[in-house]
Amino acid sequence: MNNLILNTILFANDAVSFVDTNNQIVTLASQNWMLIVVGIALIIISIFLLAILKKVIINSVIGGVVLLLTHFIFGIPALSIPNAIICIIFGPAGVGVLIVLNLLGIVV
């Protein structure tokens, strides 16, 4: 199969077939186009999920960095597990909420 030289393409029974160098017919996706459609759909879905997850991961990392900066630069006591979870989930907006809560005297 590695030495497949496409001499002829046959379209028979809704299947694409090739004749290799040994004059044997190699059929690709013989009458199973649904498998190809599902495969292409899975590729498209995974590309979209990867694009969305990139944004979520970047938002989480920025939230963690901003949390550390607010703790070390401004001296806000914000290093705890609940605060880290809030910042990882909501990013910089979570840090902003924690700062406002700290200014109001509510420590999470």
N, C-alpha and C. Protein backbone atom coordinates (compact mmCIF):
# COMPACT_ATOMS: atom_id res chain seq x y z
N MET A 1 0.82 -1.18 0.00
CA MET A 1 0.00 0.00 0.00
C MET A 1 0.87 1.26 0.00
N ASN A 2 2.13 1.14 0.46
CA ASN A 2 3.01 2.28 0.45
C ASN A 2 3.42 2.67 -0.97
N ASN A 3 3.44 1.71 -1.85
CA ASN A 3 3.84 1.96 -3.23
C ASN A 3 2.63 2.26 -4.11
N LEU A 4 1.64 2.92 -3.56
CA LEU A 4 0.41 3.18 -4.29
C LEU A 4 0.64 4.29 -5.31
N ILE A 5 0.57 3.94 -6.57
CA ILE A 5 0.65 4.92 -7.64
C ILE A 5 -0.72 4.96 -8.28
N LEU A 6 -1.28 6.14 -8.30
CA LEU A 6 -2.66 6.27 -8.77
C LEU A 6 -2.68 6.27 -10.30
N ASN A 7 -2.96 5.12 -10.85
CA ASN A 7 -3.06 5.01 -12.30
C ASN A 7 -4.46 5.36 -12.77
N THR A 8 -5.45 4.87 -12.07
CA THR A 8 -6.83 5.03 -12.51
C THR A 8 -7.70 5.27 -11.29
N ILE A 9 -8.67 6.15 -11.43
CA ILE A 9 -9.66 6.37 -10.38
C ILE A 9 -10.98 5.84 -10.89
N LEU A 10 -11.57 4.93 -10.14
CA LEU A 10 -12.83 4.32 -10.52
C LEU A 10 -13.93 4.84 -9.60
N PHE A 11 -15.06 5.23 -10.16
CA PHE A 11 -16.21 5.64 -9.37
C PHE A 11 -17.30 4.59 -9.58
N ALA A 12 -17.35 3.62 -8.69
CA ALA A 12 -18.34 2.55 -8.81
C ALA A 12 -19.02 2.36 -7.46
N ASN A 13 -20.33 2.28 -7.48
CA ASN A 13 -21.12 2.04 -6.28
C ASN A 13 -20.88 3.11 -5.21
N ASP A 14 -20.78 4.35 -5.61
CA ASP A 14 -20.57 5.48 -4.70
C ASP A 14 -19.31 5.32 -3.85
N ALA A 15 -18.32 4.66 -4.34
CA ALA A 15 -17.07 4.50 -3.62
C ALA A 15 -15.94 4.93 -4.54
N VAL A 16 -14.93 5.52 -3.98
CA VAL A 16 -13.77 5.93 -4.76
C VAL A 16 -12.74 4.81 -4.67
N SER A 17 -12.33 4.30 -5.80
CA SER A 17 -11.37 3.20 -5.82
C SER A 17 -10.17 3.62 -6.66
N PHE A 18 -9.02 3.11 -6.29
CA PHE A 18 -7.80 3.37 -7.02
C PHE A 18 -7.20 2.04 -7.44
N VAL A 19 -6.51 2.06 -8.56
CA VAL A 19 -5.80 0.87 -9.01
C VAL A 19 -4.32 1.11 -8.73
N ASP A 20 -3.74 0.26 -7.89
CA ASP A 20 -2.34 0.46 -7.54
C ASP A 20 -1.43 -0.23 -8.56
N THR A 21 -0.14 -0.26 -8.28
CA THR A 21 0.83 -0.79 -9.24
C THR A 21 0.69 -2.28 -9.47
N ASN A 22 0.08 -3.01 -8.54
CA ASN A 22 -0.11 -4.45 -8.70
C ASN A 22 -1.46 -4.77 -9.33
N ASN A 23 -2.10 -3.78 -9.91
CA ASN A 23 -3.43 -3.91 -10.53
C ASN A 23 -4.47 -4.44 -9.55
N GLN A 24 -4.32 -4.09 -8.28
CA GLN A 24 -5.34 -4.43 -7.29
C GLN A 24 -6.15 -3.17 -7.00
N ILE A 25 -7.44 -3.35 -6.83
CA ILE A 25 -8.31 -2.21 -6.59
C ILE A 25 -8.31 -1.90 -5.09
N VAL A 26 -7.97 -0.68 -4.76
CA VAL A 26 -7.96 -0.21 -3.38
C VAL A 26 -9.14 0.73 -3.24
N THR A 27 -10.08 0.37 -2.37
CA THR A 27 -11.29 1.15 -2.21
C THR A 27 -11.19 2.02 -0.96
N LEU A 28 -11.48 3.29 -1.10
CA LEU A 28 -11.48 4.22 0.02
C LEU A 28 -12.91 4.56 0.37
N ALA A 29 -13.26 4.39 1.61
CA ALA A 29 -14.59 4.72 2.14
C ALA A 29 -15.68 4.06 1.31
N SER A 30 -15.57 2.77 1.18
CA SER A 30 -16.54 2.08 0.34
C SER A 30 -17.93 2.16 0.96
N GLN A 31 -18.77 2.90 0.33
CA GLN A 31 -20.18 3.07 0.67
C GLN A 31 -20.39 3.50 2.12
N ASN A 32 -19.44 4.21 2.69
CA ASN A 32 -19.58 4.65 4.07
C ASN A 32 -19.20 6.12 4.17
N TRP A 33 -19.94 6.95 3.52
CA TRP A 33 -19.66 8.38 3.53
C TRP A 33 -19.99 9.01 4.87
N MET A 34 -20.86 8.37 5.65
CA MET A 34 -21.21 8.92 6.95
C MET A 34 -19.99 8.96 7.87
N LEU A 35 -19.11 7.99 7.75
CA LEU A 35 -17.89 7.97 8.55
C LEU A 35 -17.01 9.16 8.23
N ILE A 36 -16.91 9.51 6.96
CA ILE A 36 -16.12 10.67 6.56
C ILE A 36 -16.76 11.95 7.09
N VAL A 37 -18.08 12.06 7.01
CA VAL A 37 -18.78 13.25 7.49
C VAL A 37 -18.59 13.41 9.00
N VAL A 38 -18.69 12.31 9.75
CA VAL A 38 -18.48 12.37 11.20
C VAL A 38 -17.03 12.75 11.52
N GLY A 39 -16.09 12.21 10.78
CA GLY A 39 -14.69 12.56 10.99
C GLY A 39 -14.41 14.04 10.74
N ILE A 40 -14.96 14.58 9.67
CA ILE A 40 -14.78 15.99 9.37
C ILE A 40 -15.47 16.85 10.42
N ALA A 41 -16.65 16.44 10.88
CA ALA A 41 -17.37 17.18 11.92
C ALA A 41 -16.56 17.20 13.22
N LEU A 42 -15.95 16.08 13.58
CA LEU A 42 -15.13 16.03 14.79
C LEU A 42 -13.90 16.93 14.68
N ILE A 43 -13.32 17.00 13.51
CA ILE A 43 -12.17 17.89 13.31
C ILE A 43 -12.60 19.34 13.49
N ILE A 44 -13.73 19.72 12.91
CA ILE A 44 -14.22 21.09 13.02
C ILE A 44 -14.57 21.43 14.47
N ILE A 45 -15.24 20.52 15.16
CA ILE A 45 -15.60 20.76 16.56
C ILE A 45 -14.35 20.92 17.42
N SER A 46 -13.35 20.09 17.20
CA SER A 46 -12.13 20.20 18.02
C SER A 46 -11.38 21.49 17.74
N ILE A 47 -11.42 22.00 16.51
CA ILE A 47 -10.78 23.28 16.22
C ILE A 47 -11.49 24.41 16.95
N PHE A 48 -12.83 24.40 16.94
CA PHE A 48 -13.57 25.43 17.66
C PHE A 48 -13.34 25.35 19.17
N LEU A 49 -13.32 24.14 19.73
CA LEU A 49 -13.07 23.99 21.16
C LEU A 49 -11.68 24.47 21.54
N LEU A 50 -10.71 24.19 20.70
CA LEU A 50 -9.36 24.65 20.97
C LEU A 50 -9.29 26.17 20.96
N ALA A 51 -9.99 26.80 20.02
CA ALA A 51 -10.00 28.27 19.97
C ALA A 51 -10.64 28.85 21.22
N ILE A 52 -11.73 28.24 21.68
CA ILE A 52 -12.41 28.73 22.89
C ILE A 52 -11.54 28.48 24.12
N LEU A 53 -10.96 27.31 24.22
CA LEU A 53 -10.15 26.98 25.40
C LEU A 53 -8.89 27.82 25.49
N LYS A 54 -8.34 28.26 24.35
CA LYS A 54 -7.19 29.15 24.39
C LYS A 54 -7.54 30.43 25.12
N LYS A 55 -8.71 30.98 24.81
CA LYS A 55 -9.13 32.22 25.46
C LYS A 55 -9.36 32.01 26.95
N VAL A 56 -9.94 30.89 27.33
CA VAL A 56 -10.20 30.60 28.74
C VAL A 56 -8.89 30.43 29.50
N ILE A 57 -7.94 29.73 28.91
CA ILE A 57 -6.65 29.51 29.57
C ILE A 57 -5.90 30.83 29.72
N ILE A 58 -5.90 31.65 28.69
CA ILE A 58 -5.23 32.94 28.77
C ILE A 58 -5.87 33.81 29.83
N ASN A 59 -7.21 33.83 29.90
CA ASN A 59 -7.93 34.60 30.91
C ASN A 59 -7.57 34.12 32.31
N SER A 60 -7.45 32.81 32.50
CA SER A 60 -7.11 32.26 33.81
C SER A 60 -5.70 32.64 34.23
N VAL A 61 -4.77 32.56 33.30
CA VAL A 61 -3.38 32.92 33.62
C VAL A 61 -3.28 34.39 33.95
N ILE A 62 -3.94 35.23 33.18
CA ILE A 62 -3.90 36.68 33.47
C ILE A 62 -4.52 36.96 34.83
N GLY A 63 -5.62 36.27 35.16
CA GLY A 63 -6.24 36.45 36.48
C GLY A 63 -5.30 36.08 37.61
N GLY A 64 -4.58 34.97 37.45
CA GLY A 64 -3.62 34.56 38.48
C GLY A 64 -2.48 35.55 38.63
N VAL A 65 -1.98 36.06 37.53
CA VAL A 65 -0.88 37.04 37.58
C VAL A 65 -1.36 38.33 38.25
N VAL A 66 -2.56 38.79 37.89
CA VAL A 66 -3.09 40.01 38.49
C VAL A 66 -3.33 39.82 39.98
N LEU A 67 -3.79 38.63 40.38
CA LEU A 67 -3.98 38.34 41.81
C LEU A 67 -2.65 38.45 42.55
N LEU A 68 -1.61 37.86 42.00
CA LEU A 68 -0.29 37.96 42.64
C LEU A 68 0.22 39.39 42.68
N LEU A 69 0.00 40.14 41.61
CA LEU A 69 0.44 41.54 41.58
C LEU A 69 -0.30 42.37 42.63
N THR A 70 -1.60 42.16 42.77
CA THR A 70 -2.34 42.93 43.78
C THR A 70 -1.87 42.57 45.19
N HIS A 71 -1.48 41.34 45.39
CA HIS A 71 -1.01 40.94 46.72
C HIS A 71 0.37 41.54 47.02
N PHE A 72 1.29 41.43 46.07
CA PHE A 72 2.66 41.86 46.34
C PHE A 72 2.86 43.36 46.16
N ILE A 73 2.15 43.99 45.26
CA ILE A 73 2.36 45.42 45.01
C ILE A 73 1.48 46.27 45.94
N PHE A 74 0.20 45.93 46.03
CA PHE A 74 -0.72 46.76 46.80
C PHE A 74 -0.93 46.27 48.22
N GLY A 75 -0.43 45.09 48.53
CA GLY A 75 -0.51 44.57 49.89
C GLY A 75 -1.89 44.09 50.29
N ILE A 76 -2.75 43.79 49.32
CA ILE A 76 -4.08 43.28 49.63
C ILE A 76 -3.96 41.81 49.98
N PRO A 77 -4.45 41.42 51.17
CA PRO A 77 -4.33 40.00 51.54
C PRO A 77 -5.31 39.14 50.75
N ALA A 78 -4.85 38.65 49.63
CA ALA A 78 -5.76 37.94 48.73
C ALA A 78 -5.31 36.53 48.38
N LEU A 79 -4.25 36.06 49.02
CA LEU A 79 -3.75 34.73 48.67
C LEU A 79 -4.42 33.67 49.53
N SER A 80 -5.52 33.15 49.02
CA SER A 80 -6.20 32.02 49.66
C SER A 80 -6.80 31.16 48.55
N ILE A 81 -7.22 29.97 48.91
CA ILE A 81 -7.76 29.05 47.89
C ILE A 81 -9.04 29.59 47.26
N PRO A 82 -10.01 30.09 48.04
CA PRO A 82 -11.21 30.63 47.38
C PRO A 82 -10.91 31.80 46.44
N ASN A 83 -10.00 32.66 46.85
CA ASN A 83 -9.63 33.79 45.99
C ASN A 83 -8.95 33.31 44.71
N ALA A 84 -8.08 32.30 44.82
CA ALA A 84 -7.41 31.76 43.64
C ALA A 84 -8.42 31.13 42.69
N ILE A 85 -9.41 30.42 43.26
CA ILE A 85 -10.43 29.80 42.40
C ILE A 85 -11.24 30.87 41.68
N ILE A 86 -11.61 31.94 42.41
CA ILE A 86 -12.37 33.04 41.79
C ILE A 86 -11.56 33.67 40.66
N CYS A 87 -10.27 33.89 40.88
CA CYS A 87 -9.44 34.52 39.86
C CYS A 87 -9.18 33.60 38.68
N ILE A 88 -9.08 32.31 38.92
CA ILE A 88 -8.86 31.38 37.81
C ILE A 88 -10.11 31.27 36.95
N ILE A 89 -11.28 31.27 37.58
CA ILE A 89 -12.51 31.14 36.81
C ILE A 89 -12.87 32.44 36.10
N PHE A 90 -12.81 33.57 36.81
CA PHE A 90 -13.30 34.83 36.25
C PHE A 90 -12.19 35.74 35.72
N GLY A 91 -10.94 35.42 35.97
CA GLY A 91 -9.84 36.21 35.44
C GLY A 91 -9.71 37.56 36.11
N PRO A 92 -9.31 38.58 35.37
CA PRO A 92 -9.13 39.91 35.96
C PRO A 92 -10.42 40.50 36.54
N ALA A 93 -11.56 40.12 36.02
CA ALA A 93 -12.82 40.59 36.60
C ALA A 93 -13.00 40.06 38.01
N GLY A 94 -12.60 38.83 38.25
CA GLY A 94 -12.65 38.27 39.60
C GLY A 94 -11.73 39.00 40.55
N VAL A 95 -10.56 39.40 40.07
CA VAL A 95 -9.63 40.16 40.90
C VAL A 95 -10.25 41.52 41.22
N GLY A 96 -10.90 42.13 40.24
CA GLY A 96 -11.56 43.41 40.49
C GLY A 96 -12.63 43.30 41.55
N VAL A 97 -13.42 42.24 41.50
CA VAL A 97 -14.46 42.03 42.51
C VAL A 97 -13.83 41.82 43.88
N LEU A 98 -12.73 41.07 43.95
CA LEU A 98 -12.06 40.87 45.23
C LEU A 98 -11.50 42.16 45.79
N ILE A 99 -10.99 43.03 44.94
CA ILE A 99 -10.46 44.32 45.39
C ILE A 99 -11.59 45.18 45.94
N VAL A 100 -12.72 45.22 45.22
CA VAL A 100 -13.86 46.02 45.68
C VAL A 100 -14.39 45.46 47.01
N LEU A 101 -14.49 44.15 47.12
CA LEU A 101 -14.93 43.55 48.38
C LEU A 101 -13.96 43.86 49.53
N ASN A 102 -12.67 43.86 49.23
CA ASN A 102 -11.68 44.18 50.25
C ASN A 102 -11.81 45.63 50.67
N LEU A 103 -12.07 46.53 49.73
CA LEU A 103 -12.24 47.94 50.09
C LEU A 103 -13.51 48.16 50.92
N LEU A 104 -14.51 47.33 50.73
CA LEU A 104 -15.74 47.43 51.51
C LEU A 104 -15.62 46.72 52.86
N GLY A 105 -14.50 46.06 53.11
CA GLY A 105 -14.28 45.40 54.37
C GLY A 105 -14.71 43.96 54.41
N ILE A 106 -15.06 43.39 53.26
CA ILE A 106 -15.47 42.00 53.20
C ILE A 106 -14.28 41.19 52.69
N VAL A 107 -13.78 40.30 53.52
CA VAL A 107 -12.63 39.49 53.14
C VAL A 107 -13.13 38.09 52.82
N VAL A 108 -12.80 37.62 51.62
CA VAL A 108 -13.23 36.29 51.18
C VAL A 108 -12.15 35.29 51.51
